[in-house]
Amino acid sequence: MDLLKETLSKITEPDKKVKEEVRKKWDGLLKPIGSLGALEEIIIKICGMTGKVINKFDKKAIAVMCSDNGVVNEGVSSAPQVFTKILAESMSKGLTGVATLGKYTGTDIFTVDLGIKGKVDNPKVLDRKIRDGTKNFTKGPAMTYDEAVKSIEIGIEVADEIFVKGYDILGTGEVGIGNTSTAVAVLSSLSGLDVDLICGKGAGLTEKQHIRKKEIIKKAIAINKPNKDNPIDVISKVGGFDIGGMCGLCLSAAKNKKPIVIDGFISSVAALCATKLNPYVREYIIPSHLSAEPGAKYVFDELGLKPILNLEMRLGEGSGCPLAFQIIETAEYIFENMGTHEDVSMSTSYLVDIREE
């Protein structure tokens, strides 16, 4: 608990003066004011995080939190639980979706075992195992409160280590069969949103299985009665180790004043938990894309953030992050290299701030 408390105490508001300086620089570039839209806002936001006008993204990483979930015993997933272990090991071999995107975009992938069922005999998978998956949350809490704290602190430790190695930007990813169920349970518990509204079919379910999935999640919430005002309590009762771990990644990024790019639905729910622990964390989060999971848009309503992309993806793993990294790098290149009105001796008296329309 000490690391979590220390981390929360060190998270501060972004640098408003730097953000204003960067906004003025954007406005002076050879274009209508505000005409590059979100590209401008992303760079303004990142500069506020780092306190620097110019930022480099030479070293990019994604931390993929892997863990099994006891609720799979209730038939909420079409995939067998062993897939978590297979995917984690395949990721370290560069075979999965996010690993392939990582190779293409020059992004390093850190695969972390927080609770994969069974022994993972692979030195490329970081061993941070709490235990072999969570418990079935229809029969009681998914984990103890202390285990929830530990999962968050593991995320903080992993991200801290990554930043010490000189990485400039970090993405969040996950692997865990059954984790759309835990994500829905956490989101519903924190927001009060109806499970029927936000629960999708995950990796693929029949209509009958989908109905059962929603019933199981409602049952878990009713049995465990998570405290919506305490995200750690919510994670412990109806969450997963991966959600706790990604929550910790977000907290570390905010503490270290680094941008954290979040992936899809499950990553977004973890980010929401982090913002509930410290509201300033929101200012360090960049959502990569809008997941095709029905609950995704509601998470962003809760976060008050807009995703960069909408590609109807639902792979998970952190697969949206490398795509977002490329857009961020493009925005930074424009910011650093585009000419100004002064360069061509053009008057700016005609300009209208279209952001105000």
Protein backbone atom coordinates (compact mmCIF):
# COMPACT_ATOMS: atom_id res chain seq x y z
CA MET A 1 0.00 0.00 0.00
CA ASP A 2 2.97 2.32 0.58
CA LEU A 3 3.90 2.47 -3.12
CA LEU A 4 0.32 3.23 -4.11
CA LYS A 5 -0.02 6.02 -1.54
CA GLU A 6 3.35 7.51 -2.52
CA THR A 7 2.44 7.40 -6.21
CA LEU A 8 -0.94 9.05 -5.68
CA SER A 9 0.66 11.83 -3.64
CA LYS A 10 3.13 12.63 -6.44
CA ILE A 11 0.56 13.03 -9.22
CA THR A 12 0.09 16.70 -9.99
CA GLU A 13 -1.72 18.90 -12.49
CA PRO A 14 -0.09 19.37 -15.92
CA ASP A 15 1.85 22.55 -16.69
CA LYS A 16 -0.73 25.11 -17.86
CA LYS A 17 1.87 27.68 -18.92
CA VAL A 18 3.58 25.22 -21.25
CA LYS A 19 0.22 24.21 -22.72
CA GLU A 20 -0.57 27.84 -23.48
CA GLU A 21 2.86 28.37 -25.03
CA VAL A 22 2.37 25.36 -27.28
CA ARG A 23 -1.12 26.48 -28.27
CA LYS A 24 0.28 29.86 -29.34
CA LYS A 25 2.96 28.13 -31.40
CA TRP A 26 0.32 26.02 -33.16
CA ASP A 27 -1.69 29.17 -33.86
CA GLY A 28 1.37 30.77 -35.49
CA LEU A 29 1.91 27.97 -37.99
CA LEU A 30 1.00 28.41 -41.66
CA LYS A 31 -2.65 27.32 -41.45
CA PRO A 32 -6.04 28.48 -40.23
CA ILE A 33 -6.14 28.56 -36.43
CA GLY A 34 -7.19 25.21 -34.98
CA SER A 35 -7.44 23.58 -38.41
CA LEU A 36 -5.45 20.49 -37.43
CA GLY A 37 -7.99 19.72 -34.73
CA ALA A 38 -7.14 16.77 -32.52
CA LEU A 39 -3.54 16.66 -33.76
CA GLU A 40 -2.99 20.04 -32.14
CA GLU A 41 -4.79 19.11 -28.93
CA ILE A 42 -2.82 15.88 -28.51
CA ILE A 43 0.51 17.70 -28.64
CA ILE A 44 -0.74 20.47 -26.34
CA LYS A 45 -1.83 17.82 -23.85
CA ILE A 46 1.46 15.92 -24.00
CA CYS A 47 3.50 19.11 -23.56
CA GLY A 48 1.46 19.88 -20.46
CA MET A 49 2.28 16.43 -19.11
CA THR A 50 6.02 16.62 -19.68
CA GLY A 51 6.48 20.34 -19.12
CA LYS A 52 8.45 20.48 -22.40
CA VAL A 53 7.57 22.27 -25.63
CA ILE A 54 9.38 19.71 -27.78
CA ASN A 55 9.00 15.99 -27.07
CA LYS A 56 10.58 12.90 -28.59
CA PHE A 57 9.01 9.46 -28.92
CA ASP A 58 12.10 7.51 -29.89
CA LYS A 59 11.41 4.75 -27.39
CA LYS A 60 7.88 3.39 -27.33
CA ALA A 61 6.56 0.54 -25.22
CA ILE A 62 3.36 -1.34 -24.44
CA ALA A 63 2.95 -3.25 -21.19
CA VAL A 64 0.54 -6.16 -21.61
CA MET A 65 -0.98 -7.38 -18.35
CA CYS A 66 -1.95 -11.05 -18.50
CA SER A 67 -4.17 -12.88 -16.02
CA ASP A 68 -6.89 -15.49 -15.84
CA ASN A 69 -10.37 -14.95 -14.42
CA GLY A 70 -12.30 -17.47 -12.32
CA VAL A 71 -15.61 -16.38 -13.82
CA VAL A 72 -14.84 -18.37 -16.99
CA ASN A 73 -16.13 -21.38 -15.06
CA GLU A 74 -19.60 -19.89 -15.59
CA GLY A 75 -19.39 -20.12 -19.39
CA VAL A 76 -19.04 -16.40 -20.12
CA SER A 77 -16.41 -16.92 -22.83
CA SER A 78 -16.35 -18.95 -26.03
CA ALA A 79 -12.58 -19.43 -25.74
CA PRO A 80 -11.00 -21.92 -23.30
CA GLN A 81 -9.03 -20.50 -20.40
CA VAL A 82 -5.74 -21.98 -21.65
CA PHE A 83 -5.79 -19.36 -24.42
CA THR A 84 -4.52 -16.77 -21.92
CA LYS A 85 -1.29 -18.72 -21.44
CA ILE A 86 -0.96 -19.52 -25.15
CA LEU A 87 -1.43 -15.88 -26.16
CA ALA A 88 1.00 -14.57 -23.54
CA GLU A 89 3.70 -16.97 -24.70
CA SER A 90 2.95 -16.25 -28.37
CA MET A 91 3.20 -12.53 -27.69
CA SER A 92 6.76 -12.92 -26.44
CA LYS A 93 7.55 -14.68 -29.73
CA GLY A 94 6.18 -11.80 -31.76
CA LEU A 95 3.21 -13.76 -33.14
CA THR A 96 0.13 -11.93 -31.81
CA GLY A 97 -1.63 -8.87 -33.17
CA VAL A 98 -0.02 -6.31 -30.88
CA ALA A 99 3.39 -7.95 -31.24
CA THR A 100 3.11 -7.70 -35.02
CA LEU A 101 2.04 -4.06 -34.83
CA GLY A 102 4.85 -3.45 -32.38
CA LYS A 103 7.43 -4.74 -34.84
CA TYR A 104 5.99 -2.57 -37.60
CA THR A 105 5.96 0.62 -35.50
CA GLY A 106 9.19 0.10 -33.56
CA THR A 107 7.37 -0.49 -30.30
CA ASP A 108 8.72 -2.81 -27.61
CA ILE A 109 6.24 -5.16 -25.94
CA PHE A 110 6.56 -6.07 -22.25
CA THR A 111 4.42 -9.12 -21.44
CA VAL A 112 3.60 -9.45 -17.74
CA ASP A 113 2.15 -12.47 -15.91
CA LEU A 114 0.03 -11.26 -13.00
CA GLY A 115 -2.10 -14.36 -12.71
CA ILE A 116 -1.94 -16.75 -15.64
CA LYS A 117 -3.20 -20.17 -14.65
CA GLY A 118 -0.25 -22.56 -14.62
CA LYS A 119 3.47 -22.05 -14.89
CA VAL A 120 4.72 -19.89 -17.75
CA ASP A 121 8.18 -21.15 -18.55
CA ASN A 122 9.33 -18.25 -20.70
CA PRO A 123 11.99 -15.73 -19.64
CA LYS A 124 10.47 -13.12 -21.96
CA VAL A 125 7.27 -13.07 -19.90
CA LEU A 126 7.85 -11.02 -16.74
CA ASP A 127 6.88 -13.07 -13.68
CA ARG A 128 4.78 -10.89 -11.37
CA LYS A 129 2.25 -13.62 -10.60
CA ILE A 130 -0.04 -12.94 -7.65
CA ARG A 131 -1.66 -16.37 -7.96
CA ASP A 132 -3.19 -18.58 -10.63
CA GLY A 133 -6.03 -16.27 -11.62
CA THR A 134 -8.86 -14.72 -9.69
CA LYS A 135 -11.68 -16.58 -8.00
CA ASN A 136 -15.14 -17.05 -9.48
CA PHE A 137 -16.82 -13.79 -8.49
CA THR A 138 -20.28 -15.35 -8.50
CA LYS A 139 -19.30 -17.13 -5.28
CA GLY A 140 -17.58 -14.24 -3.50
CA PRO A 141 -14.92 -11.60 -4.18
CA ALA A 142 -12.62 -12.15 -7.15
CA MET A 143 -9.63 -11.39 -4.93
CA THR A 144 -8.76 -9.95 -1.55
CA TYR A 145 -8.42 -6.21 -1.05
CA ASP A 146 -4.68 -6.65 -0.50
CA GLU A 147 -4.38 -8.57 -3.77
CA ALA A 148 -6.16 -5.73 -5.58
CA VAL A 149 -3.66 -3.26 -4.12
CA LYS A 150 -0.83 -5.58 -5.10
CA SER A 151 -2.05 -5.78 -8.71
CA ILE A 152 -2.11 -1.98 -8.91
CA GLU A 153 1.35 -1.70 -7.35
CA ILE A 154 2.74 -4.27 -9.79
CA GLY A 155 1.49 -2.05 -12.60
CA ILE A 156 3.19 0.95 -11.01
CA GLU A 157 6.45 -0.99 -10.60
CA VAL A 158 6.43 -2.28 -14.18
CA ALA A 159 5.80 1.17 -15.64
CA ASP A 160 8.36 2.79 -13.34
CA GLU A 161 10.95 0.29 -14.57
CA ILE A 162 10.03 0.99 -18.18
CA PHE A 163 10.37 4.75 -17.73
CA VAL A 164 13.72 4.32 -15.97
CA LYS A 165 14.90 2.55 -19.14
CA GLY A 166 14.27 5.74 -21.07
CA TYR A 167 10.94 5.06 -22.74
CA ASP A 168 9.08 8.21 -23.76
CA ILE A 169 5.55 6.89 -24.12
CA LEU A 170 3.70 3.83 -22.82
CA GLY A 171 0.65 1.91 -23.96
CA THR A 172 -1.62 -0.39 -21.96
CA GLY A 173 -2.67 -3.86 -23.06
CA GLU A 174 -4.14 -7.03 -21.60
CA VAL A 175 -4.71 -10.72 -22.19
CA GLY A 176 -7.17 -12.68 -20.07
CA ILE A 177 -10.01 -14.93 -21.16
CA GLY A 178 -13.21 -13.68 -19.52
CA ASN A 179 -11.99 -10.13 -18.94
CA THR A 180 -14.79 -8.40 -20.84
CA SER A 181 -17.03 -9.79 -18.07
CA THR A 182 -14.86 -8.32 -15.31
CA ALA A 183 -14.59 -5.01 -17.19
CA VAL A 184 -18.36 -4.75 -17.53
CA ALA A 185 -18.78 -5.58 -13.83
CA VAL A 186 -16.27 -2.90 -12.82
CA LEU A 187 -17.76 -0.26 -15.12
CA SER A 188 -21.31 -0.97 -13.97
CA SER A 189 -20.23 -0.86 -10.33
CA LEU A 190 -18.40 2.46 -10.70
CA SER A 191 -20.94 4.20 -12.91
CA GLY A 192 -24.29 2.64 -12.12
CA LEU A 193 -24.79 1.84 -15.82
CA ASP A 194 -27.07 -1.10 -16.56
CA VAL A 195 -25.20 -4.31 -17.40
CA ASP A 196 -27.61 -4.95 -20.30
CA LEU A 197 -26.54 -1.64 -21.85
CA ILE A 198 -22.78 -2.12 -21.68
CA CYS A 199 -22.23 -5.87 -21.96
CA GLY A 200 -21.13 -7.21 -25.33
CA LYS A 201 -20.24 -10.63 -26.70
CA GLY A 202 -16.49 -10.32 -26.10
CA ALA A 203 -14.53 -12.71 -28.29
CA GLY A 204 -17.81 -14.15 -29.61
CA LEU A 205 -20.87 -15.69 -27.98
CA THR A 206 -24.20 -17.06 -29.12
CA GLU A 207 -27.27 -15.03 -28.17
CA LYS A 208 -28.07 -17.58 -25.44
CA GLN A 209 -24.52 -17.35 -24.05
CA HIS A 210 -24.69 -13.55 -24.16
CA ILE A 211 -27.86 -13.53 -22.07
CA ARG A 212 -26.22 -15.84 -19.54
CA LYS A 213 -23.11 -13.63 -19.43
CA LYS A 214 -25.21 -10.62 -18.45
CA GLU A 215 -27.03 -12.65 -15.79
CA ILE A 216 -23.71 -13.84 -14.32
CA ILE A 217 -22.34 -10.28 -14.10
CA LYS A 218 -25.51 -8.99 -12.45
CA LYS A 219 -25.35 -11.87 -9.98
CA ALA A 220 -21.72 -11.07 -9.11
CA ILE A 221 -22.51 -7.41 -8.46
CA ALA A 222 -25.53 -8.31 -6.30
CA ILE A 223 -23.55 -10.84 -4.25
CA ASN A 224 -20.41 -8.77 -3.71
CA LYS A 225 -21.94 -5.27 -3.42
CA PRO A 226 -18.86 -3.31 -4.61
CA ASN A 227 -18.42 0.15 -3.12
CA LYS A 228 -18.65 2.53 -6.10
CA ASP A 229 -16.74 5.18 -4.17
CA ASN A 230 -13.72 2.91 -3.73
CA PRO A 231 -12.26 1.61 -7.01
CA ILE A 232 -9.92 -0.75 -5.16
CA ASP A 233 -12.91 -2.38 -3.50
CA VAL A 234 -14.59 -2.67 -6.89
CA ILE A 235 -11.52 -4.27 -8.49
CA SER A 236 -11.16 -6.69 -5.58
CA LYS A 237 -14.76 -7.83 -5.71
CA VAL A 238 -15.59 -8.00 -9.42
CA GLY A 239 -12.37 -7.10 -11.30
CA GLY A 240 -9.25 -8.85 -12.44
CA PHE A 241 -5.51 -8.66 -11.85
CA ASP A 242 -5.05 -7.29 -15.37
CA ILE A 243 -7.42 -4.39 -14.69
CA GLY A 244 -5.56 -3.59 -11.48
CA GLY A 245 -2.24 -3.81 -13.29
CA MET A 246 -3.29 -1.43 -16.05
CA CYS A 247 -4.69 0.96 -13.45
CA GLY A 248 -1.19 0.98 -11.95
CA LEU A 249 0.37 1.70 -15.36
CA CYS A 250 -1.78 4.82 -15.65
CA LEU A 251 -0.85 5.97 -12.15
CA SER A 252 2.86 5.53 -12.83
CA ALA A 253 2.67 7.47 -16.08
CA ALA A 254 0.95 10.38 -14.36
CA LYS A 255 3.52 10.32 -11.55
CA ASN A 256 6.38 10.27 -14.06
CA LYS A 257 4.74 12.93 -16.24
CA LYS A 258 4.65 10.68 -19.28
CA PRO A 259 1.83 10.08 -21.76
CA ILE A 260 -0.08 6.83 -21.32
CA VAL A 261 -1.98 5.57 -24.37
CA ILE A 262 -4.84 3.23 -23.53
CA ASP A 263 -6.18 0.50 -25.80
CA GLY A 264 -9.79 -0.67 -25.91
CA PHE A 265 -12.65 -1.41 -23.55
CA ILE A 266 -10.81 -3.23 -20.77
CA SER A 267 -7.87 -0.79 -20.78
CA SER A 268 -10.35 2.09 -20.64
CA VAL A 269 -12.10 0.62 -17.60
CA ALA A 270 -8.71 0.29 -15.88
CA ALA A 271 -7.98 3.93 -16.75
CA LEU A 272 -11.32 4.93 -15.22
CA CYS A 273 -10.28 3.19 -11.99
CA ALA A 274 -7.05 5.21 -12.00
CA THR A 275 -8.89 8.50 -12.45
CA LYS A 276 -11.16 7.60 -9.55
CA LEU A 277 -8.04 7.25 -7.38
CA ASN A 278 -6.65 10.61 -8.54
CA PRO A 279 -8.59 12.87 -10.95
CA TYR A 280 -5.38 14.41 -12.37
CA VAL A 281 -4.57 11.05 -14.01
CA ARG A 282 -7.13 11.89 -16.69
CA GLU A 283 -4.79 14.62 -17.98
CA TYR A 284 -2.10 12.03 -18.79
CA ILE A 285 -4.34 9.57 -20.67
CA ILE A 286 -4.64 9.42 -24.46
CA PRO A 287 -7.29 6.95 -25.72
CA SER A 288 -6.16 5.18 -28.89
CA HIS A 289 -9.47 3.99 -30.33
CA LEU A 290 -13.14 3.31 -29.74
CA SER A 291 -13.60 -0.40 -29.20
CA ALA A 292 -16.51 -2.19 -30.88
CA GLU A 293 -17.58 -3.43 -27.44
CA PRO A 294 -20.87 -1.67 -26.57
CA GLY A 295 -19.60 -0.45 -23.21
CA ALA A 296 -16.65 1.40 -24.73
CA LYS A 297 -18.42 4.65 -25.58
CA TYR A 298 -19.87 4.81 -22.08
CA VAL A 299 -16.41 4.54 -20.51
CA PHE A 300 -15.29 7.57 -22.49
CA ASP A 301 -18.37 9.45 -21.31
CA GLU A 302 -17.27 8.66 -17.75
CA LEU A 303 -13.66 9.64 -18.50
CA GLY A 304 -14.60 12.77 -20.43
CA LEU A 305 -12.16 11.81 -23.20
CA LYS A 306 -12.36 11.18 -26.95
CA PRO A 307 -10.52 8.34 -28.70
CA ILE A 308 -8.27 9.17 -31.65
CA LEU A 309 -9.55 6.39 -33.93
CA ASN A 310 -12.67 4.36 -34.58
CA LEU A 311 -11.72 1.26 -36.57
CA GLU A 312 -14.33 -1.09 -35.05
CA MET A 313 -11.52 -3.11 -33.46
CA ARG A 314 -12.03 -5.40 -30.49
CA LEU A 315 -8.83 -7.44 -30.39
CA GLY A 316 -7.45 -6.04 -27.14
CA GLU A 317 -3.82 -6.86 -26.28
CA GLY A 318 -2.94 -3.16 -26.62
CA SER A 319 -3.40 -3.35 -30.39
CA GLY A 320 -4.75 0.18 -30.72
CA CYS A 321 -1.69 1.76 -29.11
CA PRO A 322 0.87 1.36 -31.94
CA LEU A 323 -1.60 2.96 -34.35
CA ALA A 324 -2.07 5.89 -31.97
CA PHE A 325 1.70 6.18 -31.52
CA GLN A 326 2.05 6.79 -35.25
CA ILE A 327 -0.53 9.56 -35.19
CA ILE A 328 1.14 11.17 -32.17
CA GLU A 329 4.53 11.04 -33.88
CA THR A 330 3.01 12.56 -37.02
CA ALA A 331 1.45 15.38 -35.00
CA GLU A 332 4.79 16.09 -33.31
CA TYR A 333 6.58 16.16 -36.67
CA ILE A 334 4.10 18.70 -38.04
CA PHE A 335 4.43 20.82 -34.90
CA GLU A 336 8.23 20.90 -35.16
CA ASN A 337 8.60 21.28 -38.92
CA MET A 338 5.67 23.22 -40.34
CA GLY A 339 6.37 26.78 -41.49
CA THR A 340 4.94 29.89 -39.84
CA HIS A 341 3.14 32.95 -41.17
CA GLU A 342 6.28 34.90 -40.42
CA ASP A 343 8.31 32.60 -42.66
CA VAL A 344 6.31 33.78 -45.68
CA SER A 345 5.67 37.34 -44.45
CA MET A 346 1.92 36.71 -44.36
CA SER A 347 -0.39 38.82 -42.26
CA THR A 348 -2.50 37.00 -39.70
CA SER A 349 -5.15 39.72 -39.42
CA TYR A 350 -7.58 37.71 -41.55
CA LEU A 351 -7.50 34.63 -39.32
CA VAL A 352 -10.57 33.52 -37.37
CA ASP A 353 -10.28 31.00 -34.53
CA ILE A 354 -12.51 28.23 -35.87
CA ARG A 355 -12.30 26.47 -32.51
CA GLU A 356 -14.77 29.03 -31.21
CA GLU A 357 -17.44 28.29 -33.83
